[in-house]
Amino acid sequence: MTSGGGFTLRPDEAKSGGTQLSTAADALGQIGQTLSSALQAEGACWGDDESGKEFAKDYEPGAQGAVDAFTSLVEGLRGLKDQVDKAVAGFENTEETFTKDLSVKDA
């Protein structure tokens, strides 16, 4: 923030942050896929008897919730990266427009 109530944006740093968000999303997406594959590979290893059914009642929704959480996190990070990119582009376009306007007025 500047003392005049505005803000300062360093486009290169913001773009770098966006790239880091994308990298994190890729890594978390891979972890989520690994988790999902491992859970599917194990299958219903607790059996179909009463104790197995009781275990599955809580385990299956929890396991699916964990996989869904990774998906949501990845989508959120990708969405945030897109918003950072849009903010930087908007800032750069506005700055370019004002610079051109000032150049014309000074001429």
PDB file of N, CA and C in Angstrom:
ATOM      1  N   MET A   1       0.842  -1.186   0.000  1.00  0.00           N
ATOM      2  CA  MET A   1       0.000   0.000   0.000  1.00  0.00           C
ATOM      3  C   MET A   1       0.882   1.242   0.000  1.00  0.00           C
ATOM      4  N   THR A   2       0.435   2.237  -0.691  1.00  0.00           N
ATOM      5  CA  THR A   2       1.109   3.520  -0.624  1.00  0.00           C
ATOM      6  C   THR A   2       0.365   4.393   0.361  1.00  0.00           C
ATOM      7  N   SER A   3       1.007   5.473   0.788  1.00  0.00           N
ATOM      8  CA  SER A   3       0.369   6.340   1.781  1.00  0.00           C
ATOM      9  C   SER A   3      -0.834   7.070   1.208  1.00  0.00           C
ATOM     10  N   GLY A   4      -0.959   7.145  -0.118  1.00  0.00           N
ATOM     11  CA  GLY A   4      -2.076   7.828  -0.750  1.00  0.00           C
ATOM     12  C   GLY A   4      -3.325   6.971  -0.862  1.00  0.00           C
ATOM     13  N   GLY A   5      -3.329   5.797  -0.282  1.00  0.00           N
ATOM     14  CA  GLY A   5      -4.508   4.942  -0.316  1.00  0.00           C
ATOM     15  C   GLY A   5      -4.552   4.012  -1.515  1.00  0.00           C
ATOM     16  N   GLY A   6      -3.569   4.094  -2.399  1.00  0.00           N
ATOM     17  CA  GLY A   6      -3.523   3.206  -3.555  1.00  0.00           C
ATOM     18  C   GLY A   6      -2.795   1.922  -3.216  1.00  0.00           C
ATOM     19  N   PHE A   7      -2.244   1.311  -4.224  1.00  0.00           N
ATOM     20  CA  PHE A   7      -1.483   0.091  -3.994  1.00  0.00           C
ATOM     21  C   PHE A   7      -0.371  -0.002  -5.022  1.00  0.00           C
ATOM     22  N   THR A   8       0.548  -0.867  -4.742  1.00  0.00           N
ATOM     23  CA  THR A   8       1.650  -1.123  -5.657  1.00  0.00           C
ATOM     24  C   THR A   8       1.579  -2.583  -6.075  1.00  0.00           C
ATOM     25  N   LEU A   9       1.706  -2.809  -7.357  1.00  0.00           N
ATOM     26  CA  LEU A   9       1.733  -4.176  -7.872  1.00  0.00           C
ATOM     27  C   LEU A   9       3.022  -4.343  -8.652  1.00  0.00           C
ATOM     28  N   ARG A  10       3.733  -5.371  -8.321  1.00  0.00           N
ATOM     29  CA  ARG A  10       4.941  -5.712  -9.072  1.00  0.00           C
ATOM     30  C   ARG A  10       4.563  -6.877  -9.989  1.00  0.00           C
ATOM     31  N   PRO A  11       4.268  -6.574 -11.253  1.00  0.00           N
ATOM     32  CA  PRO A  11       3.747  -7.605 -12.160  1.00  0.00           C
ATOM     33  C   PRO A  11       4.599  -8.869 -12.236  1.00  0.00           C
ATOM     34  N   ASP A  12       5.915  -8.716 -12.302  1.00  0.00           N
ATOM     35  CA  ASP A  12       6.768  -9.908 -12.410  1.00  0.00           C
ATOM     36  C   ASP A  12       6.653 -10.787 -11.172  1.00  0.00           C
ATOM     37  N   GLU A  13       6.581 -10.157 -10.000  1.00  0.00           N
ATOM     38  CA  GLU A  13       6.441 -10.930  -8.762  1.00  0.00           C
ATOM     39  C   GLU A  13       5.064 -11.592  -8.691  1.00  0.00           C
ATOM     40  N   ALA A  14       4.042 -10.870  -9.127  1.00  0.00           N
ATOM     41  CA  ALA A  14       2.693 -11.442  -9.120  1.00  0.00           C
ATOM     42  C   ALA A  14       2.598 -12.617 -10.095  1.00  0.00           C
ATOM     43  N   LYS A  15       3.205 -12.465 -11.272  1.00  0.00           N
ATOM     44  CA  LYS A  15       3.212 -13.567 -12.243  1.00  0.00           C
ATOM     45  C   LYS A  15       3.957 -14.778 -11.683  1.00  0.00           C
ATOM     46  N   SER A  16       5.057 -14.518 -10.996  1.00  0.00           N
ATOM     47  CA  SER A  16       5.814 -15.607 -10.375  1.00  0.00           C
ATOM     48  C   SER A  16       4.963 -16.313  -9.323  1.00  0.00           C
ATOM     49  N   GLY A  17       4.225 -15.534  -8.552  1.00  0.00           N
ATOM     50  CA  GLY A  17       3.320 -16.127  -7.566  1.00  0.00           C
ATOM     51  C   GLY A  17       2.256 -16.979  -8.233  1.00  0.00           C
ATOM     52  N   GLY A  18       1.738 -16.506  -9.361  1.00  0.00           N
ATOM     53  CA  GLY A  18       0.755 -17.286 -10.111  1.00  0.00           C
ATOM     54  C   GLY A  18       1.333 -18.603 -10.598  1.00  0.00           C
ATOM     55  N   THR A  19       2.576 -18.555 -11.059  1.00  0.00           N
ATOM     56  CA  THR A  19       3.248 -19.776 -11.501  1.00  0.00           C
ATOM     57  C   THR A  19       3.416 -20.747 -10.335  1.00  0.00           C
ATOM     58  N   GLN A  20       3.743 -20.218  -9.163  1.00  0.00           N
ATOM     59  CA  GLN A  20       3.886 -21.071  -7.981  1.00  0.00           C
ATOM     60  C   GLN A  20       2.550 -21.702  -7.596  1.00  0.00           C
ATOM     61  N   LEU A  21       1.462 -20.950  -7.747  1.00  0.00           N
ATOM     62  CA  LEU A  21       0.135 -21.515  -7.480  1.00  0.00           C
ATOM     63  C   LEU A  21      -0.153 -22.672  -8.430  1.00  0.00           C
ATOM     64  N   SER A  22       0.198 -22.487  -9.692  1.00  0.00           N
ATOM     65  CA  SER A  22      -0.015 -23.536 -10.687  1.00  0.00           C
ATOM     66  C   SER A  22       0.833 -24.773 -10.378  1.00  0.00           C
ATOM     67  N   THR A  23       2.070 -24.546  -9.978  1.00  0.00           N
ATOM     68  CA  THR A  23       2.956 -25.654  -9.613  1.00  0.00           C
ATOM     69  C   THR A  23       2.399 -26.417  -8.417  1.00  0.00           C
ATOM     70  N   ALA A  24       1.919 -25.683  -7.425  1.00  0.00           N
ATOM     71  CA  ALA A  24       1.330 -26.321  -6.240  1.00  0.00           C
ATOM     72  C   ALA A  24       0.080 -27.109  -6.621  1.00  0.00           C
ATOM     73  N   ALA A  25      -0.741 -26.541  -7.508  1.00  0.00           N
ATOM     74  CA  ALA A  25      -1.952 -27.238  -7.952  1.00  0.00           C
ATOM     75  C   ALA A  25      -1.594 -28.538  -8.662  1.00  0.00           C
ATOM     76  N   ASP A  26      -0.573 -28.495  -9.510  1.00  0.00           N
ATOM     77  CA  ASP A  26      -0.138 -29.710 -10.210  1.00  0.00           C
ATOM     78  C   ASP A  26       0.314 -30.780  -9.217  1.00  0.00           C
ATOM     79  N   ALA A  27       1.118 -30.363  -8.237  1.00  0.00           N
ATOM     80  CA  ALA A  27       1.630 -31.321  -7.245  1.00  0.00           C
ATOM     81  C   ALA A  27       0.492 -31.908  -6.418  1.00  0.00           C
ATOM     82  N   LEU A  28      -0.421 -31.061  -5.967  1.00  0.00           N
ATOM     83  CA  LEU A  28      -1.545 -31.552  -5.169  1.00  0.00           C
ATOM     84  C   LEU A  28      -2.484 -32.415  -6.000  1.00  0.00           C
ATOM     85  N   GLY A  29      -2.633 -32.082  -7.273  1.00  0.00           N
ATOM     86  CA  GLY A  29      -3.443 -32.914  -8.157  1.00  0.00           C
ATOM     87  C   GLY A  29      -2.864 -34.311  -8.286  1.00  0.00           C
ATOM     88  N   GLN A  30      -1.540 -34.386  -8.400  1.00  0.00           N
ATOM     89  CA  GLN A  30      -0.875 -35.693  -8.490  1.00  0.00           C
ATOM     90  C   GLN A  30      -1.038 -36.476  -7.188  1.00  0.00           C
ATOM     91  N   ILE A  31      -0.915 -35.789  -6.062  1.00  0.00           N
ATOM     92  CA  ILE A  31      -1.099 -36.456  -4.765  1.00  0.00           C
ATOM     93  C   ILE A  31      -2.527 -36.982  -4.647  1.00  0.00           C
ATOM     94  N   GLY A  32      -3.487 -36.170  -5.065  1.00  0.00           N
ATOM     95  CA  GLY A  32      -4.886 -36.599  -5.024  1.00  0.00           C
ATOM     96  C   GLY A  32      -5.131 -37.814  -5.903  1.00  0.00           C
ATOM     97  N   GLN A  33      -4.516 -37.832  -7.091  1.00  0.00           N
ATOM     98  CA  GLN A  33      -4.652 -38.984  -7.987  1.00  0.00           C
ATOM     99  C   GLN A  33      -4.017 -40.233  -7.373  1.00  0.00           C
ATOM    100  N   THR A  34      -2.867 -40.058  -6.748  1.00  0.00           N
ATOM    101  CA  THR A  34      -2.197 -41.182  -6.089  1.00  0.00           C
ATOM    102  C   THR A  34      -3.066 -41.732  -4.968  1.00  0.00           C
ATOM    103  N   LEU A  35      -3.636 -40.839  -4.183  1.00  0.00           N
ATOM    104  CA  LEU A  35      -4.530 -41.259  -3.101  1.00  0.00           C
ATOM    105  C   LEU A  35      -5.733 -42.008  -3.657  1.00  0.00           C
ATOM    106  N   SER A  36      -6.359 -41.446  -4.677  1.00  0.00           N
ATOM    107  CA  SER A  36      -7.535 -42.074  -5.276  1.00  0.00           C
ATOM    108  C   SER A  36      -7.202 -43.462  -5.825  1.00  0.00           C
ATOM    109  N   SER A  37      -6.075 -43.566  -6.520  1.00  0.00           N
ATOM    110  CA  SER A  37      -5.659 -44.858  -7.077  1.00  0.00           C
ATOM    111  C   SER A  37      -5.389 -45.879  -5.982  1.00  0.00           C
ATOM    112  N   ALA A  38      -4.737 -45.439  -4.914  1.00  0.00           N
ATOM    113  CA  ALA A  38      -4.437 -46.353  -3.805  1.00  0.00           C
ATOM    114  C   ALA A  38      -5.717 -46.832  -3.135  1.00  0.00           C
ATOM    115  N   LEU A  39      -6.659 -45.933  -2.943  1.00  0.00           N
ATOM    116  CA  LEU A  39      -7.931 -46.318  -2.322  1.00  0.00           C
ATOM    117  C   LEU A  39      -8.699 -47.299  -3.205  1.00  0.00           C
ATOM    118  N   GLN A  40      -8.706 -47.049  -4.511  1.00  0.00           N
ATOM    119  CA  GLN A  40      -9.396 -47.951  -5.431  1.00  0.00           C
ATOM    120  C   GLN A  40      -8.708 -49.310  -5.490  1.00  0.00           C
ATOM    121  N   ALA A  41      -7.382 -49.312  -5.436  1.00  0.00           N
ATOM    122  CA  ALA A  41      -6.635 -50.573  -5.493  1.00  0.00           C
ATOM    123  C   ALA A  41      -6.917 -51.446  -4.272  1.00  0.00           C
ATOM    124  N   GLU A  42      -7.102 -50.823  -3.135  1.00  0.00           N
ATOM    125  CA  GLU A  42      -7.390 -51.581  -1.912  1.00  0.00           C
ATOM    126  C   GLU A  42      -8.797 -52.160  -1.937  1.00  0.00           C
ATOM    127  N   GLY A  43      -9.707 -51.429  -2.533  1.00  0.00           N
ATOM    128  CA  GLY A  43     -11.092 -51.900  -2.578  1.00  0.00           C
ATOM    129  C   GLY A  43     -11.682 -52.018  -1.186  1.00  0.00           C
ATOM    130  N   ALA A  44     -12.690 -52.842  -1.067  1.00  0.00           N
ATOM    131  CA  ALA A  44     -13.382 -53.043   0.216  1.00  0.00           C
ATOM    132  C   ALA A  44     -12.698 -54.173   0.978  1.00  0.00           C
ATOM    133  N   CYS A  45     -11.490 -53.902   1.436  1.00  0.00           N
ATOM    134  CA  CYS A  45     -10.686 -54.948   2.089  1.00  0.00           C
ATOM    135  C   CYS A  45     -11.167 -55.282   3.499  1.00  0.00           C
ATOM    136  N   TRP A  46     -12.184 -54.612   3.995  1.00  0.00           N
ATOM    137  CA  TRP A  46     -12.688 -54.837   5.357  1.00  0.00           C
ATOM    138  C   TRP A  46     -13.764 -55.913   5.411  1.00  0.00           C
ATOM    139  N   GLY A  47     -14.152 -56.411   4.277  1.00  0.00           N
ATOM    140  CA  GLY A  47     -15.118 -57.507   4.250  1.00  0.00           C
ATOM    141  C   GLY A  47     -16.562 -57.037   4.222  1.00  0.00           C
ATOM    142  N   ASP A  48     -17.449 -58.028   4.075  1.00  0.00           N
ATOM    143  CA  ASP A  48     -18.873 -57.734   3.914  1.00  0.00           C
ATOM    144  C   ASP A  48     -19.691 -58.203   5.119  1.00  0.00           C
ATOM    145  N   ASP A  49     -19.009 -58.546   6.210  1.00  0.00           N
ATOM    146  CA  ASP A  49     -19.745 -58.958   7.407  1.00  0.00           C
ATOM    147  C   ASP A  49     -20.231 -57.708   8.164  1.00  0.00           C
ATOM    148  N   GLU A  50     -20.861 -57.907   9.284  1.00  0.00           N
ATOM    149  CA  GLU A  50     -21.431 -56.780  10.043  1.00  0.00           C
ATOM    150  C   GLU A  50     -20.372 -55.763  10.459  1.00  0.00           C
ATOM    151  N   SER A  51     -19.240 -56.245  10.970  1.00  0.00           N
ATOM    152  CA  SER A  51     -18.199 -55.301  11.395  1.00  0.00           C
ATOM    153  C   SER A  51     -17.607 -54.576  10.190  1.00  0.00           C
ATOM    154  N   GLY A  52     -17.483 -55.266   9.060  1.00  0.00           N
ATOM    155  CA  GLY A  52     -17.006 -54.626   7.839  1.00  0.00           C
ATOM    156  C   GLY A  52     -17.961 -53.553   7.360  1.00  0.00           C
ATOM    157  N   LYS A  53     -19.254 -53.852   7.397  1.00  0.00           N
ATOM    158  CA  LYS A  53     -20.262 -52.868   6.989  1.00  0.00           C
ATOM    159  C   LYS A  53     -20.253 -51.659   7.923  1.00  0.00           C
ATOM    160  N   GLU A  54     -20.070 -51.919   9.207  1.00  0.00           N
ATOM    161  CA  GLU A  54     -20.024 -50.829  10.187  1.00  0.00           C
ATOM    162  C   GLU A  54     -18.806 -49.934   9.934  1.00  0.00           C
ATOM    163  N   PHE A  55     -17.684 -50.571   9.641  1.00  0.00           N
ATOM    164  CA  PHE A  55     -16.466 -49.820   9.326  1.00  0.00           C
ATOM    165  C   PHE A  55     -16.666 -48.990   8.056  1.00  0.00           C
ATOM    166  N   ALA A  56     -17.217 -49.611   7.019  1.00  0.00           N
ATOM    167  CA  ALA A  56     -17.403 -48.955   5.726  1.00  0.00           C
ATOM    168  C   ALA A  56     -18.333 -47.759   5.820  1.00  0.00           C
ATOM    169  N   LYS A  57     -19.286 -47.825   6.734  1.00  0.00           N
ATOM    170  CA  LYS A  57     -20.273 -46.749   6.882  1.00  0.00           C
ATOM    171  C   LYS A  57     -19.592 -45.391   7.113  1.00  0.00           C
ATOM    172  N   ASP A  58     -18.539 -45.379   7.886  1.00  0.00           N
ATOM    173  CA  ASP A  58     -17.819 -44.131   8.147  1.00  0.00           C
ATOM    174  C   ASP A  58     -16.601 -43.956   7.239  1.00  0.00           C
ATOM    175  N   TYR A  59     -15.944 -45.065   6.931  1.00  0.00           N
ATOM    176  CA  TYR A  59     -14.702 -44.999   6.168  1.00  0.00           C
ATOM    177  C   TYR A  59     -14.926 -44.520   4.733  1.00  0.00           C
ATOM    178  N   GLU A  60     -15.883 -45.103   4.037  1.00  0.00           N
ATOM    179  CA  GLU A  60     -16.069 -44.783   2.620  1.00  0.00           C
ATOM    180  C   GLU A  60     -16.384 -43.307   2.385  1.00  0.00           C
ATOM    181  N   PRO A  61     -17.332 -42.704   3.126  1.00  0.00           N
ATOM    182  CA  PRO A  61     -17.559 -41.268   2.912  1.00  0.00           C
ATOM    183  C   PRO A  61     -16.329 -40.425   3.278  1.00  0.00           C
ATOM    184  N   GLY A  62     -15.608 -40.836   4.309  1.00  0.00           N
ATOM    185  CA  GLY A  62     -14.402 -40.102   4.692  1.00  0.00           C
ATOM    186  C   GLY A  62     -13.315 -40.188   3.639  1.00  0.00           C
ATOM    187  N   ALA A  63     -13.134 -41.369   3.080  1.00  0.00           N
ATOM    188  CA  ALA A  63     -12.126 -41.559   2.034  1.00  0.00           C
ATOM    189  C   ALA A  63     -12.495 -40.745   0.796  1.00  0.00           C
ATOM    190  N   GLN A  64     -13.764 -40.789   0.409  1.00  0.00           N
ATOM    191  CA  GLN A  64     -14.198 -40.007  -0.748  1.00  0.00           C
ATOM    192  C   GLN A  64     -14.075 -38.515  -0.463  1.00  0.00           C
ATOM    193  N   GLY A  65     -14.362 -38.127   0.766  1.00  0.00           N
ATOM    194  CA  GLY A  65     -14.216 -36.722   1.156  1.00  0.00           C
ATOM    195  C   GLY A  65     -12.782 -36.238   1.028  1.00  0.00           C
ATOM    196  N   ALA A  66     -11.833 -37.093   1.364  1.00  0.00           N
ATOM    197  CA  ALA A  66     -10.419 -36.726   1.231  1.00  0.00           C
ATOM    198  C   ALA A  66     -10.050 -36.526  -0.237  1.00  0.00           C
ATOM    199  N   VAL A  67     -10.498 -37.424  -1.096  1.00  0.00           N
ATOM    200  CA  VAL A  67     -10.229 -37.293  -2.532  1.00  0.00           C
ATOM    201  C   VAL A  67     -10.892 -36.028  -3.075  1.00  0.00           C
ATOM    202  N   ASP A  68     -12.141 -35.796  -2.686  1.00  0.00           N
ATOM    203  CA  ASP A  68     -12.860 -34.599  -3.134  1.00  0.00           C
ATOM    204  C   ASP A  68     -12.181 -33.322  -2.651  1.00  0.00           C
ATOM    205  N   ALA A  69     -11.614 -33.359  -1.443  1.00  0.00           N
ATOM    206  CA  ALA A  69     -10.929 -32.182  -0.903  1.00  0.00           C
ATOM    207  C   ALA A  69      -9.713 -31.824  -1.757  1.00  0.00           C
ATOM    208  N   PHE A  70      -8.971 -32.830  -2.209  1.00  0.00           N
ATOM    209  CA  PHE A  70      -7.836 -32.555  -3.089  1.00  0.00           C
ATOM    210  C   PHE A  70      -8.319 -31.926  -4.390  1.00  0.00           C
ATOM    211  N   THR A  71      -9.398 -32.458  -4.944  1.00  0.00           N
ATOM    212  CA  THR A  71      -9.948 -31.907  -6.184  1.00  0.00           C
ATOM    213  C   THR A  71     -10.355 -30.455  -5.993  1.00  0.00           C
ATOM    214  N   SER A  72     -11.038 -30.168  -4.903  1.00  0.00           N
ATOM    215  CA  SER A  72     -11.473 -28.793  -4.623  1.00  0.00           C
ATOM    216  C   SER A  72     -10.288 -27.862  -4.419  1.00  0.00           C
ATOM    217  N   LEU A  73      -9.282 -28.330  -3.719  1.00  0.00           N
ATOM    218  CA  LEU A  73      -8.096 -27.516  -3.476  1.00  0.00           C
ATOM    219  C   LEU A  73      -7.385 -27.193  -4.785  1.00  0.00           C
ATOM    220  N   VAL A  74      -7.248 -28.181  -5.645  1.00  0.00           N
ATOM    221  CA  VAL A  74      -6.606 -27.966  -6.944  1.00  0.00           C
ATOM    222  C   VAL A  74      -7.408 -26.959  -7.765  1.00  0.00           C
ATOM    223  N   GLU A  75      -8.719 -27.121  -7.810  1.00  0.00           N
ATOM    224  CA  GLU A  75      -9.565 -26.181  -8.552  1.00  0.00           C
ATOM    225  C   GLU A  75      -9.446 -24.776  -7.973  1.00  0.00           C
ATOM    226  N   GLY A  76      -9.408 -24.674  -6.654  1.00  0.00           N
ATOM    227  CA  GLY A  76      -9.275 -23.370  -6.007  1.00  0.00           C
ATOM    228  C   GLY A  76      -7.957 -22.692  -6.340  1.00  0.00           C
ATOM    229  N   LEU A  77      -6.871 -23.442  -6.306  1.00  0.00           N
ATOM    230  CA  LEU A  77      -5.563 -22.870  -6.636  1.00  0.00           C
ATOM    231  C   LEU A  77      -5.498 -22.446  -8.098  1.00  0.00           C
ATOM    232  N   ARG A  78      -6.068 -23.261  -8.982  1.00  0.00           N
ATOM    233  CA  ARG A  78      -6.076 -22.888 -10.409  1.00  0.00           C
ATOM    234  C   ARG A  78      -6.928 -21.635 -10.640  1.00  0.00           C
ATOM    235  N   GLY A  79      -8.052 -21.555  -9.939  1.00  0.00           N
ATOM    236  CA  GLY A  79      -8.893 -20.367 -10.049  1.00  0.00           C
ATOM    237  C   GLY A  79      -8.189 -19.129  -9.523  1.00  0.00           C
ATOM    238  N   LEU A  80      -7.477 -19.272  -8.425  1.00  0.00           N
ATOM    239  CA  LEU A  80      -6.725 -18.156  -7.863  1.00  0.00           C
ATOM    240  C   LEU A  80      -5.625 -17.715  -8.820  1.00  0.00           C
ATOM    241  N   LYS A  81      -4.945 -18.678  -9.437  1.00  0.00           N
ATOM    242  CA  LYS A  81      -3.911 -18.348 -10.418  1.00  0.00           C
ATOM    243  C   LYS A  81      -4.507 -17.572 -11.587  1.00  0.00           C
ATOM    244  N   ASP A  82      -5.676 -17.996 -12.059  1.00  0.00           N
ATOM    245  CA  ASP A  82      -6.340 -17.282 -13.151  1.00  0.00           C
ATOM    246  C   ASP A  82      -6.674 -15.850 -12.749  1.00  0.00           C
ATOM    247  N   GLN A  83      -7.124 -15.662 -11.516  1.00  0.00           N
ATOM    248  CA  GLN A  83      -7.459 -14.317 -11.045  1.00  0.00           C
ATOM    249  C   GLN A  83      -6.211 -13.446 -10.914  1.00  0.00           C
ATOM    250  N   VAL A  84      -5.110 -14.027 -10.472  1.00  0.00           N
ATOM    251  CA  VAL A  84      -3.848 -13.283 -10.410  1.00  0.00           C
ATOM    252  C   VAL A  84      -3.450 -12.850 -11.818  1.00  0.00           C
ATOM    253  N   ASP A  85      -3.532 -13.767 -12.780  1.00  0.00           N
ATOM    254  CA  ASP A  85      -3.188 -13.438 -14.165  1.00  0.00           C
ATOM    255  C   ASP A  85      -4.067 -12.313 -14.701  1.00  0.00           C
ATOM    256  N   LYS A  86      -5.358 -12.375 -14.425  1.00  0.00           N
ATOM    257  CA  LYS A  86      -6.277 -11.327 -14.888  1.00  0.00           C
ATOM    258  C   LYS A  86      -5.977  -9.993 -14.223  1.00  0.00           C
ATOM    259  N   ALA A  87      -5.660 -10.017 -12.937  1.00  0.00           N
ATOM    260  CA  ALA A  87      -5.344  -8.778 -12.222  1.00  0.00           C
ATOM    261  C   ALA A  87      -4.079  -8.137 -12.786  1.00  0.00           C
ATOM    262  N   VAL A  88      -3.068  -8.948 -13.047  1.00  0.00           N
ATOM    263  CA  VAL A  88      -1.820  -8.422 -13.607  1.00  0.00           C
ATOM    264  C   VAL A  88      -2.073  -7.853 -14.998  1.00  0.00           C
ATOM    265  N   ALA A  89      -2.807  -8.579 -15.825  1.00  0.00           N
ATOM    266  CA  ALA A  89      -3.099  -8.094 -17.180  1.00  0.00           C
ATOM    267  C   ALA A  89      -3.882  -6.787 -17.123  1.00  0.00           C
ATOM    268  N   GLY A  90      -4.866  -6.713 -16.244  1.00  0.00           N
ATOM    269  CA  GLY A  90      -5.640  -5.479 -16.097  1.00  0.00           C
ATOM    270  C   GLY A  90      -4.777  -4.327 -15.639  1.00  0.00           C
ATOM    271  N   PHE A  91      -3.909  -4.586 -14.683  1.00  0.00           N
ATOM    272  CA  PHE A  91      -3.001  -3.555 -14.184  1.00  0.00           C
ATOM    273  C   PHE A  91      -2.084  -3.072 -15.297  1.00  0.00           C
ATOM    274  N   GLU A  92      -1.493  -4.008 -16.026  1.00  0.00           N
ATOM    275  CA  GLU A  92      -0.573  -3.633 -17.102  1.00  0.00           C
ATOM    276  C   GLU A  92      -1.290  -2.869 -18.208  1.00  0.00           C
ATOM    277  N   ASN A  93      -2.508  -3.279 -18.555  1.00  0.00           N
ATOM    278  CA  ASN A  93      -3.270  -2.566 -19.584  1.00  0.00           C
ATOM    279  C   ASN A  93      -3.614  -1.155 -19.132  1.00  0.00           C
ATOM    280  N   THR A  94      -4.018  -1.016 -17.878  1.00  0.00           N
ATOM    281  CA  THR A  94      -4.357   0.303 -17.347  1.00  0.00           C
ATOM    282  C   THR A  94      -3.124   1.193 -17.317  1.00  0.00           C
ATOM    283  N   GLU A  95      -2.018   0.647 -16.853  1.00  0.00           N
ATOM    284  CA  GLU A  95      -0.777   1.416 -16.789  1.00  0.00           C
ATOM    285  C   GLU A  95      -0.348   1.854 -18.190  1.00  0.00           C
ATOM    286  N   GLU A  96      -0.464   0.956 -19.155  1.00  0.00           N
ATOM    287  CA  GLU A  96      -0.089   1.282 -20.533  1.00  0.00           C
ATOM    288  C   GLU A  96      -0.995   2.380 -21.100  1.00  0.00           C
ATOM    289  N   THR A  97      -2.287   2.285 -20.830  1.00  0.00           N
ATOM    290  CA  THR A  97      -3.235   3.297 -21.311  1.00  0.00           C
ATOM    291  C   THR A  97      -2.918   4.661 -20.723  1.00  0.00           C
ATOM    292  N   PHE A  98      -2.683   4.720 -19.421  1.00  0.00           N
ATOM    293  CA  PHE A  98      -2.364   5.999 -18.782  1.00  0.00           C
ATOM    294  C   PHE A  98      -1.043   6.559 -19.292  1.00  0.00           C
ATOM    295  N   THR A  99      -0.064   5.699 -19.512  1.00  0.00           N
ATOM    296  CA  THR A  99       1.225   6.151 -20.030  1.00  0.00           C
ATOM    297  C   THR A  99       1.052   6.748 -21.416  1.00  0.00           C
ATOM    298  N   LYS A 100       0.259   6.104 -22.268  1.00  0.00           N
ATOM    299  CA  LYS A 100       0.002   6.635 -23.612  1.00  0.00           C
ATOM    300  C   LYS A 100      -0.736   7.962 -23.527  1.00  0.00           C
ATOM    301  N   ASP A 101      -1.755   8.035 -22.655  1.00  0.00           N
ATOM    302  CA  ASP A 101      -2.514   9.275 -22.500  1.00  0.00           C
ATOM    303  C   ASP A 101      -1.612  10.415 -22.048  1.00  0.00           C
ATOM    304  N   LEU A 102      -0.731  10.155 -21.115  1.00  0.00           N
ATOM    305  CA  LEU A 102       0.181  11.189 -20.633  1.00  0.00           C
ATOM    306  C   LEU A 102       1.165  11.589 -21.717  1.00  0.00           C
ATOM    307  N   SER A 103       1.619  10.641 -22.522  1.00  0.00           N
ATOM    308  CA  SER A 103       2.552  10.940 -23.604  1.00  0.00           C
ATOM    309  C   SER A 103       1.904  11.843 -24.640  1.00  0.00           C
ATOM    310  N   VAL A 104       0.644  11.604 -24.954  1.00  0.00           N
ATOM    311  CA  VAL A 104      -0.080  12.416 -25.932  1.00  0.00           C
ATOM    312  C   VAL A 104      -0.267  13.828 -25.396  1.00  0.00           C
ATOM    313  N   LYS A 105      -0.600  13.967 -24.123  1.00  0.00           N
ATOM    314  CA  LYS A 105      -0.823  15.284 -23.520  1.00  0.00           C
ATOM    315  C   LYS A 105       0.469  16.076 -23.416  1.00  0.00           C
ATOM    316  N   ASP A 106       1.600  15.393 -23.231  1.00  0.00           N
ATOM    317  CA  ASP A 106       2.887  16.075 -23.123  1.00  0.00           C
ATOM    318  C   ASP A 106       3.401  16.521 -24.488  1.00  0.00           C
ATOM    319  N   ALA A 107       2.905  15.928 -25.554  1.00  0.00           N
ATOM    320  CA  ALA A 107       3.418  16.225 -26.898  1.00  0.00           C
ATOM    321  C   ALA A 107       2.983  17.562 -27.414  1.00  0.00           C
TER     322      ALA A 107
END
